[in-house]
Amino acid sequence: MTSRCFDVAVIGLGPVGMVAAMLLAQRGVAVVAIDRSAAVFDKPRAIGLDHESLRLLQGLGLAEAIAPMTGPYRPSEYRAPDGALLRRLLPQQEPNLLAWPANLMFIQPELDAMLRARLGAWPGVALRTGAAVEGLEQDAGGVRLSLAGGTGIAARYALCCDGAGSPLRRQLGAAHEDLDFDEPWVVVDTLLEDENVRLPETNVQYCHPDRPTTFIHGPRNLRRWEFMILPGEDPAAMATEESVWRLLAPWMRPGQARLWRIAAYRFHALVAHPWRFGRAFLAGDAAHQTPPFMGQGLNQGLRDAGNLAWKLAMAARGEAGEALLDSYEVERRPNVRDVIAITRDLGRIVCERDTERAAARDAALKAEAAAGRADVIRQDLLPPLRDGYLLAGSPGAGEPCPQPWVRTPAGCARLDDVLGDAGFRLILGDAAFPGAVGDQASRLGARVLRLGTPPLMEADGLLAGWMRRHAAVAVLERPDHVVYGTARDAGGVARLLDKALAGLG
């Protein structure tokens, strides 16, 4: 028996699926959100959110709700066996490009519980939990999902966010590109109970060939260790409390902390292909698996959600065609592949177990550190989108569009909170613009803003400075806050909008 037809079925309600469902419903899309589990997972997994993810959550009205579950993201120091600094990953400095810290730590069970509660009350979302999807069929008109117990759900599109082991990815027939990283580790989350325990104040990558190890300083009293499982060691045996306390002995002893989670993992670098199968799309871990050395696994999944939600919404309303839907994979797959490759290469620094190669690594990185090149800004490692629904060759295209703090009668606020919309924005400088620009922007559904006039009264000149650096008199911002393109002169604005309109077909 099949129920009413929805616009989009979202399968898998980790953070990626829940955010995708809310972004779709926010745009007027009828969503059914399905998960096999009746409750959220009660142990931490992901531990870092970056400013693009935080901006997405802000756009859903969740900024205040996430504040209590976050904490500062510490620098990550790569240390040789003799304690020497090899490399340091630092957060982006203020002013913050997106009006958020570039990275924050968070406690995932708290985030998941909050998202599940908000999703259950979100208008336009039908929540189906404790419901396993056993099959997906589709034709030119839509998709049909078979649920355990013989019920069915019909939708125009399906978004599969059902995790790294995604049954739907396997059913759809997606392959994996292996980026050559496959290492077994045991991950240990602890809750400190002794405030006198002396632990590092930063995150540390212990680049020790005898056992590569990671320490992460989480929010509040959460501290995480990750230990490589060595050849010949049994992952199940390494994931016992007895083994874990032996590994933790250099830092603390039983009674000083409570073990919250112990899990043996294989850190993979994998990218599925393709990501689209007719009316079904992959997102999050179902589409890609990222080693943890940049804290980008969840953040890349949330970028998937932000990228696809507005495109599916436009397609569902008949405002865009197949080319825009195809741009999802064109944009996201190469970008996430680049991020995974960067993360893999950082992981190889940590994971080197050959003592001679480790000594050569240490010598080379110590020389770079002595020359003042040890410090790397974490966000500078993340590339922009480079193809897809973008104005090719346009300065700034594919980058996150800055979100400034703006002055309002009630005080300073983030721009997105003041505007409260989720559509295109055309941001103009102080040049004169032809009258036709307003008509073109209206056809695109773009809100026109001008620097220095309400509501775009910047408090710190962040956006104006970004436009100057890109020699831009105008910038077109997509609904996912990615820069579609910029214009260098008034005449270029009309061409910018023409290209954007034509690309929706």
Protein backbone atom coordinates (compact mmCIF):
# COMPACT_ATOMS: atom_id res chain seq x y z
CA MET A 1 0.00 0.00 0.00
CA THR A 2 1.47 3.37 -1.07
CA SER A 3 0.73 6.62 0.76
CA ARG A 4 0.39 10.11 -0.72
CA CYS A 5 3.10 11.32 -3.10
CA PHE A 6 5.69 13.68 -1.61
CA ASP A 7 8.04 15.97 -3.46
CA VAL A 8 11.19 14.52 -1.87
CA ALA A 9 11.85 11.47 0.28
CA VAL A 10 14.94 11.81 2.49
CA ILE A 11 16.24 8.43 3.64
CA GLY A 12 18.63 8.41 6.59
CA LEU A 13 18.35 10.95 9.39
CA GLY A 14 21.82 11.65 10.59
CA PRO A 15 22.67 15.37 10.61
CA VAL A 16 22.98 15.47 6.80
CA GLY A 17 19.54 13.97 6.17
CA MET A 18 17.85 16.05 8.86
CA VAL A 19 19.37 19.31 7.63
CA ALA A 20 18.51 18.42 4.02
CA ALA A 21 14.88 17.71 4.98
CA MET A 22 14.57 21.04 6.82
CA LEU A 23 16.21 22.99 3.99
CA LEU A 24 13.78 21.45 1.51
CA ALA A 25 10.72 22.09 3.68
CA GLN A 26 11.89 25.64 4.30
CA ARG A 27 11.61 26.15 0.54
CA GLY A 28 8.04 24.86 0.40
CA VAL A 29 8.83 21.28 -0.60
CA ALA A 30 6.66 18.45 0.77
CA VAL A 31 9.16 16.11 2.45
CA VAL A 32 8.95 12.66 4.00
CA ALA A 33 11.95 11.99 6.25
CA ILE A 34 12.65 8.31 6.98
CA ASP A 35 15.04 6.52 9.30
CA ARG A 36 15.29 2.90 10.37
CA SER A 37 16.01 3.90 13.97
CA ALA A 38 13.34 5.28 16.27
CA ALA A 39 15.97 7.15 18.33
CA VAL A 40 19.11 9.13 17.57
CA PHE A 41 22.49 7.50 18.14
CA ASP A 42 23.62 8.36 21.66
CA LYS A 43 27.42 8.33 21.14
CA PRO A 44 29.69 10.98 19.59
CA ARG A 45 31.02 10.51 16.06
CA ALA A 46 31.71 13.76 14.22
CA ILE A 47 33.19 16.42 16.49
CA GLY A 48 33.80 19.55 14.37
CA LEU A 49 31.55 22.03 12.54
CA ASP A 50 32.97 24.65 10.22
CA HIS A 51 31.58 28.06 9.33
CA GLU A 52 29.74 26.93 6.20
CA SER A 53 27.89 24.29 8.23
CA LEU A 54 27.20 26.76 11.01
CA ARG A 55 25.76 29.21 8.48
CA LEU A 56 23.44 26.49 7.15
CA LEU A 57 22.20 25.80 10.68
CA GLN A 58 21.80 29.52 11.27
CA GLY A 59 19.60 29.74 8.19
CA LEU A 60 17.33 27.15 9.77
CA GLY A 61 16.95 29.29 12.87
CA LEU A 62 19.16 27.04 14.99
CA ALA A 63 21.97 29.42 15.94
CA GLU A 64 20.88 29.84 19.55
CA ALA A 65 20.12 26.14 19.97
CA ILE A 66 23.60 25.00 18.92
CA ALA A 67 25.54 27.46 21.09
CA PRO A 68 25.42 25.42 24.35
CA MET A 69 26.76 22.28 22.66
CA THR A 70 29.80 23.90 21.02
CA GLY A 71 33.25 24.98 22.11
CA PRO A 72 36.36 26.49 20.51
CA TYR A 73 38.31 24.50 17.95
CA ARG A 74 41.91 24.32 19.11
CA PRO A 75 44.93 24.44 16.77
CA SER A 76 46.18 21.03 15.63
CA GLU A 77 49.87 20.41 16.24
CA TYR A 78 51.82 17.68 14.48
CA ARG A 79 54.54 16.45 16.83
CA ALA A 80 57.57 14.23 16.14
CA PRO A 81 58.56 11.47 18.61
CA ASP A 82 61.05 13.90 20.21
CA GLY A 83 58.24 16.44 20.74
CA ALA A 84 59.41 18.82 18.00
CA LEU A 85 56.73 20.74 16.12
CA LEU A 86 56.35 19.53 12.54
CA ARG A 87 53.23 21.40 11.44
CA ARG A 88 50.42 23.42 12.96
CA LEU A 89 46.91 23.84 11.55
CA LEU A 90 45.43 27.12 12.78
CA PRO A 91 41.90 28.51 12.62
CA GLN A 92 41.11 31.39 10.29
CA GLN A 93 41.50 34.67 12.12
CA GLU A 94 38.91 37.40 12.62
CA PRO A 95 37.11 39.10 11.05
CA ASN A 96 35.20 35.90 10.40
CA LEU A 97 34.31 35.55 6.72
CA LEU A 98 30.88 34.06 7.40
CA ALA A 99 30.18 35.80 10.76
CA TRP A 100 30.97 32.52 12.52
CA PRO A 101 34.24 31.13 13.86
CA ALA A 102 35.86 29.13 11.09
CA ASN A 103 35.57 25.97 13.21
CA LEU A 104 33.81 24.93 16.40
CA MET A 105 33.82 21.67 18.33
CA PHE A 106 30.45 20.11 19.19
CA ILE A 107 28.86 17.12 20.87
CA GLN A 108 27.00 15.14 18.22
CA PRO A 109 24.37 13.34 20.32
CA GLU A 110 23.17 16.72 21.57
CA LEU A 111 23.06 18.13 18.03
CA ASP A 112 21.29 15.05 16.70
CA ALA A 113 18.66 15.12 19.46
CA MET A 114 17.97 18.81 18.86
CA LEU A 115 17.72 18.31 15.08
CA ARG A 116 15.38 15.32 15.46
CA ALA A 117 13.09 17.30 17.77
CA ARG A 118 13.03 20.29 15.42
CA LEU A 119 12.48 18.07 12.39
CA GLY A 120 9.51 16.39 14.05
CA ALA A 121 7.84 19.78 14.50
CA TRP A 122 8.87 21.26 11.14
CA PRO A 123 5.94 22.28 8.91
CA GLY A 124 5.84 20.34 5.67
CA VAL A 125 7.84 17.35 6.97
CA ALA A 126 6.28 13.93 7.57
CA LEU A 127 8.61 12.08 9.94
CA ARG A 128 8.76 8.28 9.68
CA THR A 129 11.18 6.73 12.19
CA GLY A 130 11.62 3.08 13.02
CA ALA A 131 10.96 2.45 9.33
CA ALA A 132 13.54 0.57 7.26
CA VAL A 133 13.59 1.22 3.51
CA GLU A 134 14.03 -2.14 1.79
CA GLY A 135 13.88 -1.10 -1.85
CA LEU A 136 13.68 1.78 -4.30
CA GLU A 137 12.08 1.71 -7.73
CA GLN A 138 11.63 4.62 -10.10
CA ASP A 139 10.28 5.66 -13.46
CA ALA A 140 9.92 8.93 -15.34
CA GLY A 141 7.26 10.11 -12.91
CA GLY A 142 8.92 9.49 -9.57
CA VAL A 143 10.27 6.99 -7.04
CA ARG A 144 8.58 4.36 -4.92
CA LEU A 145 10.10 3.20 -1.65
CA SER A 146 9.28 -0.18 -0.12
CA LEU A 147 9.32 -0.16 3.68
CA ALA A 148 9.57 -3.09 6.03
CA GLY A 149 6.10 -4.39 6.79
CA GLY A 150 4.85 -3.98 3.24
CA THR A 151 4.05 -0.27 3.19
CA GLY A 152 5.25 2.05 0.46
CA ILE A 153 6.01 5.73 -0.06
CA ALA A 154 5.89 7.63 -3.34
CA ALA A 155 7.89 10.77 -4.06
CA ARG A 156 9.09 12.72 -7.06
CA TYR A 157 12.73 12.52 -5.89
CA ALA A 158 14.73 10.55 -3.33
CA LEU A 159 17.76 11.74 -1.39
CA CYS A 160 19.75 8.83 0.04
CA CYS A 161 21.66 9.85 3.19
CA ASP A 162 21.76 6.37 4.66
CA GLY A 163 25.40 6.30 5.68
CA ALA A 164 28.72 4.76 4.73
CA GLY A 165 27.18 1.28 4.46
CA SER A 166 24.26 2.67 2.41
CA PRO A 167 22.02 -0.20 1.25
CA LEU A 168 20.43 2.14 -1.28
CA ARG A 169 23.82 3.03 -2.80
CA ARG A 170 24.46 -0.68 -3.31
CA GLN A 171 21.00 -1.22 -4.78
CA LEU A 172 21.39 1.70 -7.16
CA GLY A 173 24.70 0.26 -8.34
CA ALA A 174 27.13 3.03 -7.46
CA ALA A 175 30.82 2.17 -7.57
CA HIS A 176 33.57 3.59 -5.35
CA GLU A 177 36.71 5.41 -6.36
CA ASP A 178 39.39 4.47 -3.83
CA LEU A 179 41.82 7.30 -3.06
CA ASP A 180 44.30 4.88 -1.50
CA PHE A 181 43.87 5.30 2.22
CA ASP A 182 42.67 2.43 4.40
CA GLU A 183 43.92 2.34 7.98
CA PRO A 184 42.47 0.60 11.07
CA TRP A 185 42.12 2.77 14.21
CA VAL A 186 40.39 2.60 17.55
CA VAL A 187 38.54 5.78 18.57
CA VAL A 188 38.06 6.50 22.27
CA ASP A 189 35.81 9.23 23.65
CA THR A 190 36.25 10.08 27.31
CA LEU A 191 34.52 12.43 29.73
CA LEU A 192 36.99 13.94 32.19
CA GLU A 193 36.07 13.57 35.85
CA ASP A 194 39.34 14.79 37.42
CA GLU A 195 39.98 18.46 36.69
CA ASN A 196 43.64 18.04 37.73
CA VAL A 197 44.49 15.74 34.82
CA ARG A 198 47.19 17.45 32.74
CA LEU A 199 46.34 17.10 29.06
CA PRO A 200 47.37 19.13 26.01
CA GLU A 201 45.54 22.42 25.50
CA THR A 202 45.63 21.90 21.73
CA ASN A 203 44.73 19.06 19.41
CA VAL A 204 47.81 16.92 18.80
CA GLN A 205 48.81 14.52 16.04
CA TYR A 206 51.48 12.31 17.56
CA CYS A 207 53.48 11.31 14.46
CA HIS A 208 55.10 8.34 16.19
CA PRO A 209 55.95 5.39 13.95
CA ASP A 210 55.55 2.95 16.86
CA ARG A 211 51.84 3.93 17.15
CA PRO A 212 50.41 7.03 15.42
CA THR A 213 47.95 8.70 17.78
CA THR A 214 45.56 11.66 17.73
CA PHE A 215 44.35 13.72 20.71
CA ILE A 216 41.34 16.03 20.31
CA HIS A 217 40.34 18.60 22.90
CA GLY A 218 36.55 18.54 22.64
CA PRO A 219 33.99 20.90 24.18
CA ARG A 220 33.35 20.87 27.91
CA ASN A 221 34.90 17.70 29.35
CA LEU A 222 34.93 15.62 26.14
CA ARG A 223 38.40 14.41 25.12
CA ARG A 224 39.00 12.05 22.21
CA TRP A 225 41.93 9.79 21.39
CA GLU A 226 42.45 7.88 18.16
CA PHE A 227 45.05 5.08 18.13
CA MET A 228 46.26 3.26 15.04
CA ILE A 229 45.74 -0.51 15.24
CA LEU A 230 49.05 -2.13 14.33
CA PRO A 231 49.56 -5.13 12.04
CA GLY A 232 48.75 -8.35 13.89
CA GLU A 233 46.48 -6.66 16.45
CA ASP A 234 42.86 -7.74 16.60
CA PRO A 235 40.50 -4.73 16.24
CA ALA A 236 37.91 -6.33 18.53
CA ALA A 237 40.53 -6.94 21.23
CA MET A 238 41.88 -3.39 20.87
CA ALA A 239 38.37 -1.99 21.39
CA THR A 240 38.03 -3.36 24.93
CA GLU A 241 38.26 -1.27 28.09
CA GLU A 242 41.33 -3.18 29.23
CA SER A 243 43.22 -2.42 26.01
CA VAL A 244 42.05 1.18 25.91
CA TRP A 245 43.28 1.94 29.43
CA ARG A 246 46.69 0.55 28.47
CA LEU A 247 46.74 2.94 25.48
CA LEU A 248 45.62 5.87 27.66
CA ALA A 249 48.20 5.18 30.40
CA PRO A 250 50.66 7.93 29.27
CA TRP A 251 47.93 10.53 29.86
CA MET A 252 45.59 9.30 32.59
CA ARG A 253 44.37 6.34 34.59
CA PRO A 254 40.97 4.82 35.45
CA GLY A 255 38.96 7.01 37.76
CA GLN A 256 40.18 10.23 36.15
CA ALA A 257 37.78 9.92 33.21
CA ARG A 258 34.78 7.91 32.14
CA LEU A 259 34.92 5.97 28.86
CA TRP A 260 31.97 7.09 26.75
CA ARG A 261 32.60 5.33 23.45
CA ILE A 262 35.13 2.85 22.12
CA ALA A 263 34.90 1.98 18.43
CA ALA A 264 37.23 0.27 15.98
CA TYR A 265 37.11 1.90 12.55
CA ARG A 266 38.81 1.72 9.21
CA PHE A 267 39.60 5.25 8.06
CA HIS A 268 38.75 5.27 4.36
CA ALA A 269 39.20 7.71 1.48
CA LEU A 270 36.38 6.80 -0.90
CA VAL A 271 34.16 8.69 -3.36
CA ALA A 272 31.09 7.07 -4.91
CA HIS A 273 30.24 7.47 -8.58
CA PRO A 274 27.83 8.44 -9.86
CA TRP A 275 25.86 10.43 -7.28
CA ARG A 276 22.69 10.66 -9.36
CA PHE A 277 20.53 7.80 -10.59
CA GLY A 278 17.58 9.37 -12.38
CA ARG A 279 15.46 10.79 -9.58
CA ALA A 280 17.61 9.41 -6.75
CA PHE A 281 20.66 11.20 -5.33
CA LEU A 282 23.39 10.24 -2.86
CA ALA A 283 24.64 12.60 -0.15
CA GLY A 284 26.87 12.53 2.92
CA ASP A 285 28.66 9.29 3.84
CA ALA A 286 26.59 7.43 1.27
CA ALA A 287 28.46 9.48 -1.37
CA HIS A 288 31.92 9.85 0.19
CA GLN A 289 34.02 8.74 3.15
CA THR A 290 36.72 11.03 4.51
CA PRO A 291 39.56 10.26 6.94
CA PRO A 292 39.24 12.36 10.11
CA PHE A 293 42.44 14.42 9.92
CA MET A 294 40.70 17.64 8.78
CA GLY A 295 37.38 17.20 10.59
CA GLN A 296 35.60 17.47 7.24
CA GLY A 297 33.48 14.31 6.95
CA LEU A 298 30.22 15.74 8.34
CA ASN A 299 30.91 19.22 6.99
CA GLN A 300 31.24 17.90 3.45
CA GLY A 301 27.95 16.05 3.88
CA LEU A 302 26.25 19.24 5.05
CA ARG A 303 27.64 21.00 1.97
CA ASP A 304 25.96 18.28 -0.10
CA ALA A 305 22.65 19.06 1.62
CA GLY A 306 23.01 22.80 1.11
CA ASN A 307 24.01 22.39 -2.52
CA LEU A 308 21.21 20.05 -3.55
CA ALA A 309 18.26 21.29 -1.47
CA TRP A 310 17.66 24.54 -3.34
CA LYS A 311 18.13 22.83 -6.71
CA LEU A 312 15.60 20.10 -5.87
CA ALA A 313 13.20 22.75 -4.59
CA MET A 314 13.43 24.72 -7.85
CA ALA A 315 12.98 21.54 -9.89
CA ALA A 316 9.97 20.51 -7.79
CA ARG A 317 8.38 23.93 -8.47
CA GLY A 318 9.09 23.68 -12.19
CA GLU A 319 11.55 26.61 -12.05
CA ALA A 320 14.62 24.63 -13.14
CA GLY A 321 15.46 21.65 -15.30
CA GLU A 322 17.79 18.68 -15.51
CA ALA A 323 20.94 20.73 -16.06
CA LEU A 324 20.65 22.33 -12.63
CA LEU A 325 20.07 18.95 -10.96
CA ASP A 326 23.07 17.51 -12.81
CA SER A 327 25.20 20.38 -11.49
CA TYR A 328 24.99 18.86 -7.99
CA GLU A 329 27.44 16.08 -8.78
CA VAL A 330 29.44 18.24 -11.20
CA GLU A 331 30.09 20.69 -8.35
CA ARG A 332 30.29 18.53 -5.28
CA ARG A 333 32.07 15.35 -6.41
CA PRO A 334 35.32 16.99 -7.64
CA ASN A 335 35.30 19.33 -4.66
CA VAL A 336 34.88 16.62 -2.04
CA ARG A 337 37.43 14.48 -3.89
CA ASP A 338 39.96 17.32 -3.58
CA VAL A 339 39.18 17.70 0.14
CA ILE A 340 39.57 13.96 0.71
CA ALA A 341 42.89 13.95 -1.16
CA ILE A 342 44.17 16.82 1.02
CA THR A 343 42.96 15.02 4.15
CA ARG A 344 44.56 11.76 3.01
CA ASP A 345 47.91 13.49 2.50
CA LEU A 346 47.73 14.98 6.00
CA GLY A 347 46.89 11.52 7.30
CA ARG A 348 49.93 10.05 5.59
CA ILE A 349 52.12 12.44 7.57
CA VAL A 350 50.62 11.08 10.78
CA CYS A 351 50.43 7.43 9.78
CA GLU A 352 53.99 6.78 8.60
CA ARG A 353 55.27 3.68 10.43
CA ASP A 354 58.53 3.05 8.60
CA THR A 355 61.20 4.48 10.91
CA GLU A 356 63.56 5.60 8.12
CA ARG A 357 60.81 7.34 6.16
CA ALA A 358 59.48 8.87 9.41
CA ALA A 359 62.95 10.25 10.19
CA ALA A 360 63.15 11.76 6.69
CA ARG A 361 59.67 13.24 7.14
CA ASP A 362 60.66 14.75 10.47
CA ALA A 363 63.83 16.29 9.07
CA ALA A 364 61.99 17.86 6.13
CA LEU A 365 59.14 19.26 8.25
CA LYS A 366 61.51 20.50 10.98
CA ALA A 367 63.42 22.42 8.30
CA GLU A 368 60.15 23.98 7.08
CA ALA A 369 59.24 24.88 10.66
CA ALA A 370 62.67 26.48 11.20
CA ALA A 371 62.05 28.55 8.07
CA GLY A 372 58.72 29.79 9.49
CA ARG A 373 56.50 27.59 7.32
CA ALA A 374 55.01 25.30 9.96
CA ASP A 375 51.72 27.19 10.29
CA VAL A 376 48.86 26.52 7.88
CA ILE A 377 45.40 28.12 8.07
CA ARG A 378 42.94 25.24 8.07
CA GLN A 379 40.30 26.96 5.91
CA ASP A 380 42.92 27.89 3.29
CA LEU A 381 43.25 24.18 2.49
CA LEU A 382 39.63 23.92 1.34
CA PRO A 383 39.18 24.61 -2.38
CA PRO A 384 36.22 26.45 -3.93
CA LEU A 385 33.79 24.82 -6.34
CA ARG A 386 35.33 24.95 -9.79
CA ASP A 387 32.60 23.87 -12.24
CA GLY A 388 28.83 23.53 -12.53
CA TYR A 389 26.22 26.26 -12.04
CA LEU A 390 28.85 28.99 -11.83
CA LEU A 391 30.05 31.79 -14.10
CA ALA A 392 33.28 30.20 -15.31
CA GLY A 393 36.31 32.46 -15.05
CA SER A 394 34.52 34.98 -12.85
CA PRO A 395 36.64 36.12 -9.86
CA GLY A 396 35.28 34.61 -6.66
CA ALA A 397 32.92 32.16 -8.37
CA GLY A 398 32.54 28.97 -6.33
CA GLU A 399 33.68 30.56 -3.06
CA PRO A 400 31.43 31.03 -0.02
CA CYS A 401 29.90 34.50 -0.21
CA PRO A 402 30.86 36.51 2.89
CA GLN A 403 28.20 37.11 5.52
CA PRO A 404 28.88 40.44 7.22
CA TRP A 405 27.60 41.75 10.51
CA VAL A 406 25.25 44.63 9.71
CA ARG A 407 23.94 47.54 11.75
CA THR A 408 20.23 47.57 12.51
CA PRO A 409 18.09 49.76 14.79
CA ALA A 410 18.26 46.93 17.34
CA GLY A 411 22.06 46.57 17.13
CA CYS A 412 24.45 44.46 15.05
CA ALA A 413 23.21 41.23 13.51
CA ARG A 414 24.34 38.65 10.99
CA LEU A 415 23.09 39.56 7.51
CA ASP A 416 21.18 36.29 6.95
CA ASP A 417 19.22 36.83 10.15
CA VAL A 418 18.20 40.29 8.96
CA LEU A 419 17.19 39.18 5.47
CA GLY A 420 15.54 35.92 6.48
CA ASP A 421 15.35 34.64 2.90
CA ALA A 422 16.88 31.66 1.16
CA GLY A 423 16.97 32.82 -2.45
CA PHE A 424 19.39 34.48 -4.83
CA ARG A 425 20.92 37.82 -3.84
CA LEU A 426 22.40 40.41 -6.15
CA ILE A 427 24.76 42.61 -4.14
CA LEU A 428 25.71 45.89 -5.79
CA GLY A 429 28.51 48.30 -5.03
CA ASP A 430 28.24 52.07 -5.49
CA ALA A 431 28.44 52.13 -9.31
CA ALA A 432 25.49 53.14 -11.49
CA PHE A 433 23.53 50.22 -12.93
CA PRO A 434 21.17 50.03 -15.92
CA GLY A 435 17.47 49.89 -15.09
CA ALA A 436 17.10 46.48 -16.77
CA VAL A 437 19.10 44.90 -13.95
CA GLY A 438 16.06 45.04 -11.66
CA ASP A 439 13.88 43.24 -14.22
CA GLN A 440 16.48 40.50 -14.72
CA ALA A 441 16.92 40.06 -10.98
CA SER A 442 13.15 39.77 -10.57
CA ARG A 443 12.97 36.98 -13.17
CA LEU A 444 15.70 35.13 -11.29
CA GLY A 445 13.92 35.71 -7.99
CA ALA A 446 16.96 37.57 -6.67
CA ARG A 447 16.79 40.14 -3.92
CA VAL A 448 18.78 43.27 -4.86
CA LEU A 449 20.97 44.78 -2.13
CA ARG A 450 23.33 47.74 -2.27
CA LEU A 451 26.35 48.19 -0.04
CA GLY A 452 25.98 51.05 2.39
CA THR A 453 22.17 51.13 2.33
CA PRO A 454 19.74 49.26 4.61
CA PRO A 455 19.76 46.37 5.26
CA LEU A 456 23.38 46.13 4.07
CA MET A 457 24.96 48.63 6.46
CA GLU A 458 28.16 46.73 7.23
CA ALA A 459 29.69 46.93 10.67
CA ASP A 460 33.20 45.94 9.58
CA GLY A 461 33.45 46.34 5.78
CA LEU A 462 34.01 42.61 5.29
CA LEU A 463 31.89 42.21 2.14
CA ALA A 464 33.06 45.49 0.63
CA GLY A 465 36.67 44.40 1.16
CA TRP A 466 35.99 41.02 -0.48
CA MET A 467 34.49 42.76 -3.50
CA ARG A 468 37.47 45.12 -3.79
CA ARG A 469 39.90 42.18 -3.72
CA HIS A 470 37.97 40.58 -6.57
CA ALA A 471 37.64 43.89 -8.47
CA ALA A 472 33.86 43.35 -8.40
CA VAL A 473 31.13 45.99 -8.62
CA ALA A 474 28.48 43.28 -8.15
CA VAL A 475 28.23 39.72 -6.84
CA LEU A 476 25.45 37.19 -7.43
CA GLU A 477 25.00 34.89 -4.43
CA ARG A 478 23.20 31.56 -4.88
CA PRO A 479 20.61 30.27 -2.40
CA ASP A 480 23.31 28.04 -0.82
CA HIS A 481 25.47 31.15 -0.20
CA VAL A 482 27.97 30.18 -2.89
CA VAL A 483 29.10 32.93 -5.26
CA TYR A 484 27.62 32.29 -8.72
CA GLY A 485 29.80 35.01 -10.19
CA THR A 486 30.90 38.64 -10.07
CA ALA A 487 30.86 41.57 -12.47
CA ARG A 488 33.71 44.05 -12.99
CA ASP A 489 31.55 46.84 -14.41
CA ALA A 490 27.93 47.91 -14.67
CA GLY A 491 27.50 46.36 -18.11
CA GLY A 492 28.77 43.05 -16.80
CA VAL A 493 25.92 42.82 -14.31
CA ALA A 494 23.36 42.27 -17.06
CA ARG A 495 25.52 39.55 -18.59
CA LEU A 496 25.94 37.95 -15.16
CA LEU A 497 22.18 37.72 -14.69
CA ASP A 498 21.58 36.51 -18.26
CA LYS A 499 24.01 33.64 -17.70
CA ALA A 500 22.40 32.74 -14.38
CA LEU A 501 18.91 32.66 -15.92
CA ALA A 502 20.05 30.57 -18.88
CA GLY A 503 21.77 28.04 -16.58
CA LEU A 504 18.54 27.11 -14.82
CA GLY A 505 17.18 25.31 -17.87
